Amino acid sequence: MEKQNLEQRVAIKFCARLGETASETYTKIVKVHGDSALSRAQVFRWHKEFKEGRESVEDESRSGRPVEVRTDANVQR
């Protein structure tokens, strides 16, 4: 994850804990980060998550197909 995204998530968590609205938080994020700010939808989503008790600012791990699949059959080809 990009360092800047992590910083923004920490700021969103801080604002949510202070009791600020998602709109107030978004305004502050844009004021500080400008064009590189998270989208409005992302700020609102993270704000909601933190208001509901989420602690981690990291992405959750995803399941799914791995980037690379190696099997003995593939290696022999």
PDB file of N, CA and C in Angstrom:
ATOM      1  N   MET A   1       0.836  -1.168   0.000  1.00  0.00           N
ATOM      2  CA  MET A   1       0.000   0.000   0.000  1.00  0.00           C
ATOM      3  C   MET A   1       0.886   1.238   0.000  1.00  0.00           C
ATOM      4  N   GLU A   2       0.432   2.231  -0.685  1.00  0.00           N
ATOM      5  CA  GLU A   2       1.161   3.487  -0.749  1.00  0.00           C
ATOM      6  C   GLU A   2       1.195   4.161   0.616  1.00  0.00           C
ATOM      7  N   LYS A   3       2.324   4.765   0.938  1.00  0.00           N
ATOM      8  CA  LYS A   3       2.484   5.447   2.224  1.00  0.00           C
ATOM      9  C   LYS A   3       1.435   6.551   2.389  1.00  0.00           C
ATOM     10  N   GLN A   4       1.158   7.259   1.317  1.00  0.00           N
ATOM     11  CA  GLN A   4       0.211   8.368   1.381  1.00  0.00           C
ATOM     12  C   GLN A   4      -1.206   7.874   1.689  1.00  0.00           C
ATOM     13  N   ASN A   5      -1.596   6.732   1.114  1.00  0.00           N
ATOM     14  CA  ASN A   5      -2.913   6.169   1.411  1.00  0.00           C
ATOM     15  C   ASN A   5      -3.007   5.791   2.882  1.00  0.00           C
ATOM     16  N   LEU A   6      -1.943   5.228   3.405  1.00  0.00           N
ATOM     17  CA  LEU A   6      -1.911   4.852   4.810  1.00  0.00           C
ATOM     18  C   LEU A   6      -2.055   6.090   5.696  1.00  0.00           C
ATOM     19  N   GLU A   7      -1.355   7.149   5.349  1.00  0.00           N
ATOM     20  CA  GLU A   7      -1.454   8.397   6.116  1.00  0.00           C
ATOM     21  C   GLU A   7      -2.878   8.943   6.095  1.00  0.00           C
ATOM     22  N   GLN A   8      -3.519   8.876   4.944  1.00  0.00           N
ATOM     23  CA  GLN A   8      -4.883   9.372   4.833  1.00  0.00           C
ATOM     24  C   GLN A   8      -5.845   8.524   5.658  1.00  0.00           C
ATOM     25  N   ARG A   9      -5.644   7.230   5.665  1.00  0.00           N
ATOM     26  CA  ARG A   9      -6.509   6.358   6.469  1.00  0.00           C
ATOM     27  C   ARG A   9      -6.351   6.635   7.961  1.00  0.00           C
ATOM     28  N   VAL A  10      -5.120   6.903   8.384  1.00  0.00           N
ATOM     29  CA  VAL A  10      -4.887   7.248   9.789  1.00  0.00           C
ATOM     30  C   VAL A  10      -5.606   8.553  10.116  1.00  0.00           C
ATOM     31  N   ALA A  11      -5.540   9.524   9.212  1.00  0.00           N
ATOM     32  CA  ALA A  11      -6.225  10.801   9.421  1.00  0.00           C
ATOM     33  C   ALA A  11      -7.742  10.600   9.481  1.00  0.00           C
ATOM     34  N   ILE A  12      -8.273   9.742   8.622  1.00  0.00           N
ATOM     35  CA  ILE A  12      -9.706   9.457   8.628  1.00  0.00           C
ATOM     36  C   ILE A  12     -10.103   8.808   9.946  1.00  0.00           C
ATOM     37  N   LYS A  13      -9.299   7.873  10.410  1.00  0.00           N
ATOM     38  CA  LYS A  13      -9.562   7.211  11.696  1.00  0.00           C
ATOM     39  C   LYS A  13      -9.579   8.231  12.825  1.00  0.00           C
ATOM     40  N   PHE A  14      -8.619   9.149  12.823  1.00  0.00           N
ATOM     41  CA  PHE A  14      -8.524  10.185  13.838  1.00  0.00           C
ATOM     42  C   PHE A  14      -9.777  11.065  13.830  1.00  0.00           C
ATOM     43  N   CYS A  15     -10.170  11.521  12.656  1.00  0.00           N
ATOM     44  CA  CYS A  15     -11.354  12.377  12.540  1.00  0.00           C
ATOM     45  C   CYS A  15     -12.621  11.641  12.972  1.00  0.00           C
ATOM     46  N   ALA A  16     -12.733  10.379  12.605  1.00  0.00           N
ATOM     47  CA  ALA A  16     -13.903   9.589  12.990  1.00  0.00           C
ATOM     48  C   ALA A  16     -13.981   9.465  14.506  1.00  0.00           C
ATOM     49  N   ARG A  17     -12.854   9.260  15.145  1.00  0.00           N
ATOM     50  CA  ARG A  17     -12.821   9.149  16.606  1.00  0.00           C
ATOM     51  C   ARG A  17     -13.140  10.472  17.292  1.00  0.00           C
ATOM     52  N   LEU A  18     -12.841  11.582  16.622  1.00  0.00           N
ATOM     53  CA  LEU A  18     -13.185  12.897  17.174  1.00  0.00           C
ATOM     54  C   LEU A  18     -14.679  13.209  17.030  1.00  0.00           C
ATOM     55  N   GLY A  19     -15.363  12.394  16.243  1.00  0.00           N
ATOM     56  CA  GLY A  19     -16.800  12.595  16.049  1.00  0.00           C
ATOM     57  C   GLY A  19     -17.141  13.482  14.873  1.00  0.00           C
ATOM     58  N   GLU A  20     -16.168  13.730  14.005  1.00  0.00           N
ATOM     59  CA  GLU A  20     -16.434  14.534  12.821  1.00  0.00           C
ATOM     60  C   GLU A  20     -17.238  13.726  11.811  1.00  0.00           C
ATOM     61  N   THR A  21     -17.967  14.419  10.956  1.00  0.00           N
ATOM     62  CA  THR A  21     -18.726  13.742   9.921  1.00  0.00           C
ATOM     63  C   THR A  21     -17.790  13.327   8.788  1.00  0.00           C
ATOM     64  N   ALA A  22     -18.287  12.450   7.945  1.00  0.00           N
ATOM     65  CA  ALA A  22     -17.493  12.014   6.796  1.00  0.00           C
ATOM     66  C   ALA A  22     -17.250  13.185   5.846  1.00  0.00           C
ATOM     67  N   SER A  23     -18.218  14.074   5.717  1.00  0.00           N
ATOM     68  CA  SER A  23     -18.051  15.245   4.845  1.00  0.00           C
ATOM     69  C   SER A  23     -16.963  16.169   5.360  1.00  0.00           C
ATOM     70  N   GLU A  24     -16.938  16.414   6.654  1.00  0.00           N
ATOM     71  CA  GLU A  24     -15.891  17.250   7.243  1.00  0.00           C
ATOM     72  C   GLU A  24     -14.523  16.606   7.046  1.00  0.00           C
ATOM     73  N   THR A  25     -14.477  15.301   7.231  1.00  0.00           N
ATOM     74  CA  THR A  25     -13.227  14.563   7.064  1.00  0.00           C
ATOM     75  C   THR A  25     -12.741  14.653   5.629  1.00  0.00           C
ATOM     76  N   TYR A  26     -13.635  14.456   4.673  1.00  0.00           N
ATOM     77  CA  TYR A  26     -13.270  14.514   3.262  1.00  0.00           C
ATOM     78  C   TYR A  26     -12.709  15.889   2.905  1.00  0.00           C
ATOM     79  N   THR A  27     -13.353  16.943   3.400  1.00  0.00           N
ATOM     80  CA  THR A  27     -12.893  18.302   3.129  1.00  0.00           C
ATOM     81  C   THR A  27     -11.466  18.504   3.622  1.00  0.00           C
ATOM     82  N   LYS A  28     -11.169  17.993   4.808  1.00  0.00           N
ATOM     83  CA  LYS A  28      -9.822  18.131   5.369  1.00  0.00           C
ATOM     84  C   LYS A  28      -8.796  17.321   4.581  1.00  0.00           C
ATOM     85  N   ILE A  29      -9.175  16.112   4.175  1.00  0.00           N
ATOM     86  CA  ILE A  29      -8.264  15.263   3.396  1.00  0.00           C
ATOM     87  C   ILE A  29      -7.909  15.945   2.083  1.00  0.00           C
ATOM     88  N   VAL A  30      -8.899  16.498   1.404  1.00  0.00           N
ATOM     89  CA  VAL A  30      -8.658  17.176   0.125  1.00  0.00           C
ATOM     90  C   VAL A  30      -7.808  18.427   0.341  1.00  0.00           C
ATOM     91  N   LYS A  31      -8.058  19.155   1.418  1.00  0.00           N
ATOM     92  CA  LYS A  31      -7.294  20.367   1.703  1.00  0.00           C
ATOM     93  C   LYS A  31      -5.807  20.048   1.889  1.00  0.00           C
ATOM     94  N   VAL A  32      -5.525  18.936   2.553  1.00  0.00           N
ATOM     95  CA  VAL A  32      -4.139  18.576   2.832  1.00  0.00           C
ATOM     96  C   VAL A  32      -3.469  17.877   1.649  1.00  0.00           C
ATOM     97  N   HIS A  33      -4.173  16.943   1.007  1.00  0.00           N
ATOM     98  CA  HIS A  33      -3.553  16.092  -0.018  1.00  0.00           C
ATOM     99  C   HIS A  33      -3.852  16.511  -1.456  1.00  0.00           C
ATOM    100  N   GLY A  34      -4.770  17.420  -1.654  1.00  0.00           N
ATOM    101  CA  GLY A  34      -5.059  17.923  -3.001  1.00  0.00           C
ATOM    102  C   GLY A  34      -5.470  16.838  -3.975  1.00  0.00           C
ATOM    103  N   ASP A  35      -4.812  16.847  -5.147  1.00  0.00           N
ATOM    104  CA  ASP A  35      -5.164  15.907  -6.218  1.00  0.00           C
ATOM    105  C   ASP A  35      -4.876  14.453  -5.866  1.00  0.00           C
ATOM    106  N   SER A  36      -4.002  14.219  -4.912  1.00  0.00           N
ATOM    107  CA  SER A  36      -3.656  12.845  -4.561  1.00  0.00           C
ATOM    108  C   SER A  36      -4.515  12.305  -3.411  1.00  0.00           C
ATOM    109  N   ALA A  37      -5.558  13.043  -3.055  1.00  0.00           N
ATOM    110  CA  ALA A  37      -6.456  12.604  -1.977  1.00  0.00           C
ATOM    111  C   ALA A  37      -7.265  11.392  -2.429  1.00  0.00           C
ATOM    112  N   LEU A  38      -7.651  10.579  -1.461  1.00  0.00           N
ATOM    113  CA  LEU A  38      -8.552   9.475  -1.749  1.00  0.00           C
ATOM    114  C   LEU A  38      -9.859  10.031  -2.295  1.00  0.00           C
ATOM    115  N   SER A  39     -10.575   9.219  -3.035  1.00  0.00           N
ATOM    116  CA  SER A  39     -11.857   9.664  -3.577  1.00  0.00           C
ATOM    117  C   SER A  39     -12.863   9.863  -2.443  1.00  0.00           C
ATOM    118  N   ARG A  40     -13.901  10.605  -2.727  1.00  0.00           N
ATOM    119  CA  ARG A  40     -14.947  10.856  -1.734  1.00  0.00           C
ATOM    120  C   ARG A  40     -15.550   9.540  -1.253  1.00  0.00           C
ATOM    121  N   ALA A  41     -15.795   8.640  -2.191  1.00  0.00           N
ATOM    122  CA  ALA A  41     -16.377   7.341  -1.839  1.00  0.00           C
ATOM    123  C   ALA A  41     -15.471   6.558  -0.898  1.00  0.00           C
ATOM    124  N   GLN A  42     -14.165   6.588  -1.158  1.00  0.00           N
ATOM    125  CA  GLN A  42     -13.219   5.863  -0.302  1.00  0.00           C
ATOM    126  C   GLN A  42     -13.148   6.473   1.097  1.00  0.00           C
ATOM    127  N   VAL A  43     -13.137   7.810   1.169  1.00  0.00           N
ATOM    128  CA  VAL A  43     -13.111   8.465   2.479  1.00  0.00           C
ATOM    129  C   VAL A  43     -14.362   8.091   3.267  1.00  0.00           C
ATOM    130  N   PHE A  44     -15.513   8.125   2.619  1.00  0.00           N
ATOM    131  CA  PHE A  44     -16.767   7.786   3.302  1.00  0.00           C
ATOM    132  C   PHE A  44     -16.773   6.322   3.739  1.00  0.00           C
ATOM    133  N   ARG A  45     -16.256   5.436   2.885  1.00  0.00           N
ATOM    134  CA  ARG A  45     -16.226   4.008   3.241  1.00  0.00           C
ATOM    135  C   ARG A  45     -15.335   3.767   4.450  1.00  0.00           C
ATOM    136  N   TRP A  46     -14.126   4.346   4.437  1.00  0.00           N
ATOM    137  CA  TRP A  46     -13.208   4.164   5.559  1.00  0.00           C
ATOM    138  C   TRP A  46     -13.751   4.816   6.818  1.00  0.00           C
ATOM    139  N   HIS A  47     -14.358   5.979   6.681  1.00  0.00           N
ATOM    140  CA  HIS A  47     -14.938   6.671   7.832  1.00  0.00           C
ATOM    141  C   HIS A  47     -15.990   5.778   8.498  1.00  0.00           C
ATOM    142  N   LYS A  48     -16.848   5.200   7.679  1.00  0.00           N
ATOM    143  CA  LYS A  48     -17.894   4.307   8.203  1.00  0.00           C
ATOM    144  C   LYS A  48     -17.278   3.104   8.919  1.00  0.00           C
ATOM    145  N   GLU A  49     -16.268   2.509   8.307  1.00  0.00           N
ATOM    146  CA  GLU A  49     -15.598   1.348   8.909  1.00  0.00           C
ATOM    147  C   GLU A  49     -15.033   1.698  10.287  1.00  0.00           C
ATOM    148  N   PHE A  50     -14.388   2.855  10.395  1.00  0.00           N
ATOM    149  CA  PHE A  50     -13.797   3.253  11.672  1.00  0.00           C
ATOM    150  C   PHE A  50     -14.871   3.599  12.697  1.00  0.00           C
ATOM    151  N   LYS A  51     -15.967   4.190  12.256  1.00  0.00           N
ATOM    152  CA  LYS A  51     -17.071   4.495  13.176  1.00  0.00           C
ATOM    153  C   LYS A  51     -17.686   3.209  13.725  1.00  0.00           C
ATOM    154  N   GLU A  52     -17.639   2.150  12.928  1.00  0.00           N
ATOM    155  CA  GLU A  52     -18.207   0.859  13.341  1.00  0.00           C
ATOM    156  C   GLU A  52     -17.232   0.028  14.163  1.00  0.00           C
ATOM    157  N   GLY A  53     -16.048   0.586  14.452  1.00  0.00           N
ATOM    158  CA  GLY A  53     -15.128  -0.086  15.343  1.00  0.00           C
ATOM    159  C   GLY A  53     -13.889  -0.699  14.725  1.00  0.00           C
ATOM    160  N   ARG A  54     -13.701  -0.542  13.453  1.00  0.00           N
ATOM    161  CA  ARG A  54     -12.498  -1.086  12.820  1.00  0.00           C
ATOM    162  C   ARG A  54     -11.265  -0.407  13.408  1.00  0.00           C
ATOM    163  N   GLU A  55     -10.223  -1.180  13.638  1.00  0.00           N
ATOM    164  CA  GLU A  55      -8.987  -0.652  14.208  1.00  0.00           C
ATOM    165  C   GLU A  55      -7.870  -0.540  13.175  1.00  0.00           C
ATOM    166  N   SER A  56      -7.758  -1.521  12.301  1.00  0.00           N
ATOM    167  CA  SER A  56      -6.651  -1.581  11.353  1.00  0.00           C
ATOM    168  C   SER A  56      -6.838  -0.603  10.194  1.00  0.00           C
ATOM    169  N   VAL A  57      -5.749   0.041   9.793  1.00  0.00           N
ATOM    170  CA  VAL A  57      -5.772   0.910   8.622  1.00  0.00           C
ATOM    171  C   VAL A  57      -5.243   0.174   7.385  1.00  0.00           C
ATOM    172  N   GLU A  58      -4.824  -1.069   7.570  1.00  0.00           N
ATOM    173  CA  GLU A  58      -4.303  -1.889   6.478  1.00  0.00           C
ATOM    174  C   GLU A  58      -5.457  -2.546   5.704  1.00  0.00           C
ATOM    175  N   ASP A  59      -5.204  -2.849   4.436  1.00  0.00           N
ATOM    176  CA  ASP A  59      -6.174  -3.606   3.652  1.00  0.00           C
ATOM    177  C   ASP A  59      -6.303  -5.007   4.225  1.00  0.00           C
ATOM    178  N   GLU A  60      -7.491  -5.574   4.091  1.00  0.00           N
ATOM    179  CA  GLU A  60      -7.665  -6.959   4.509  1.00  0.00           C
ATOM    180  C   GLU A  60      -7.133  -7.858   3.410  1.00  0.00           C
ATOM    181  N   SER A  61      -6.617  -9.005   3.809  1.00  0.00           N
ATOM    182  CA  SER A  61      -6.086  -9.923   2.808  1.00  0.00           C
ATOM    183  C   SER A  61      -7.219 -10.452   1.944  1.00  0.00           C
ATOM    184  N   ARG A  62      -6.891 -10.720   0.717  1.00  0.00           N
ATOM    185  CA  ARG A  62      -7.897 -11.205  -0.227  1.00  0.00           C
ATOM    186  C   ARG A  62      -7.592 -12.644  -0.606  1.00  0.00           C
ATOM    187  N   SER A  63      -8.637 -13.392  -0.747  1.00  0.00           N
ATOM    188  CA  SER A  63      -8.452 -14.745  -1.256  1.00  0.00           C
ATOM    189  C   SER A  63      -8.677 -14.695  -2.762  1.00  0.00           C
ATOM    190  N   GLY A  64      -8.308 -15.733  -3.409  1.00  0.00           N
ATOM    191  CA  GLY A  64      -8.514 -15.748  -4.847  1.00  0.00           C
ATOM    192  C   GLY A  64      -7.349 -16.397  -5.545  1.00  0.00           C
ATOM    193  N   ARG A  65      -7.365 -16.271  -6.803  1.00  0.00           N
ATOM    194  CA  ARG A  65      -6.338 -16.888  -7.624  1.00  0.00           C
ATOM    195  C   ARG A  65      -4.999 -16.190  -7.397  1.00  0.00           C
ATOM    196  N   PRO A  66      -3.955 -16.971  -7.177  1.00  0.00           N
ATOM    197  CA  PRO A  66      -2.633 -16.357  -6.999  1.00  0.00           C
ATOM    198  C   PRO A  66      -2.141 -15.734  -8.306  1.00  0.00           C
ATOM    199  N   VAL A  67      -1.214 -14.833  -8.190  1.00  0.00           N
ATOM    200  CA  VAL A  67      -0.665 -14.160  -9.363  1.00  0.00           C
ATOM    201  C   VAL A  67       0.024 -15.163 -10.278  1.00  0.00           C
ATOM    202  N   GLU A  68       0.707 -16.127  -9.703  1.00  0.00           N
ATOM    203  CA  GLU A  68       1.443 -17.115 -10.481  1.00  0.00           C
ATOM    204  C   GLU A  68       1.102 -18.502  -9.968  1.00  0.00           C
ATOM    205  N   VAL A  69       0.862 -19.410 -10.885  1.00  0.00           N
ATOM    206  CA  VAL A  69       0.541 -20.772 -10.492  1.00  0.00           C
ATOM    207  C   VAL A  69       1.595 -21.701 -11.070  1.00  0.00           C
ATOM    208  N   ARG A  70       2.320 -22.390 -10.197  1.00  0.00           N
ATOM    209  CA  ARG A  70       3.319 -23.354 -10.641  1.00  0.00           C
ATOM    210  C   ARG A  70       2.962 -24.722 -10.102  1.00  0.00           C
ATOM    211  N   THR A  71       2.910 -25.649 -11.017  1.00  0.00           N
ATOM    212  CA  THR A  71       2.728 -27.046 -10.637  1.00  0.00           C
ATOM    213  C   THR A  71       3.836 -27.838 -11.313  1.00  0.00           C
ATOM    214  N   ASP A  72       4.005 -29.064 -10.892  1.00  0.00           N
ATOM    215  CA  ASP A  72       5.033 -29.907 -11.521  1.00  0.00           C
ATOM    216  C   ASP A  72       4.758 -30.049 -13.031  1.00  0.00           C
ATOM    217  N   ALA A  73       3.500 -30.155 -13.401  1.00  0.00           N
ATOM    218  CA  ALA A  73       3.158 -30.297 -14.822  1.00  0.00           C
ATOM    219  C   ALA A  73       3.546 -29.041 -15.606  1.00  0.00           C
ATOM    220  N   ASN A  74       3.311 -27.870 -15.021  1.00  0.00           N
ATOM    221  CA  ASN A  74       3.667 -26.626 -15.699  1.00  0.00           C
ATOM    222  C   ASN A  74       5.183 -26.486 -15.853  1.00  0.00           C
ATOM    223  N   VAL A  75       5.916 -26.867 -14.840  1.00  0.00           N
ATOM    224  CA  VAL A  75       7.374 -26.732 -14.854  1.00  0.00           C
ATOM    225  C   VAL A  75       7.964 -27.632 -15.939  1.00  0.00           C
ATOM    226  N   GLN A  76       7.419 -28.835 -16.138  1.00  0.00           N
ATOM    227  CA  GLN A  76       7.939 -29.780 -17.124  1.00  0.00           C
ATOM    228  C   GLN A  76       7.662 -29.310 -18.543  1.00  0.00           C
ATOM    229  N   ARG A  77       6.650 -28.514 -18.746  1.00  0.00           N
ATOM    230  CA  ARG A  77       6.356 -28.010 -20.079  1.00  0.00           C
ATOM    231  C   ARG A  77       7.425 -27.061 -20.463  1.00  0.00           C
TER     232      ARG A  77
END
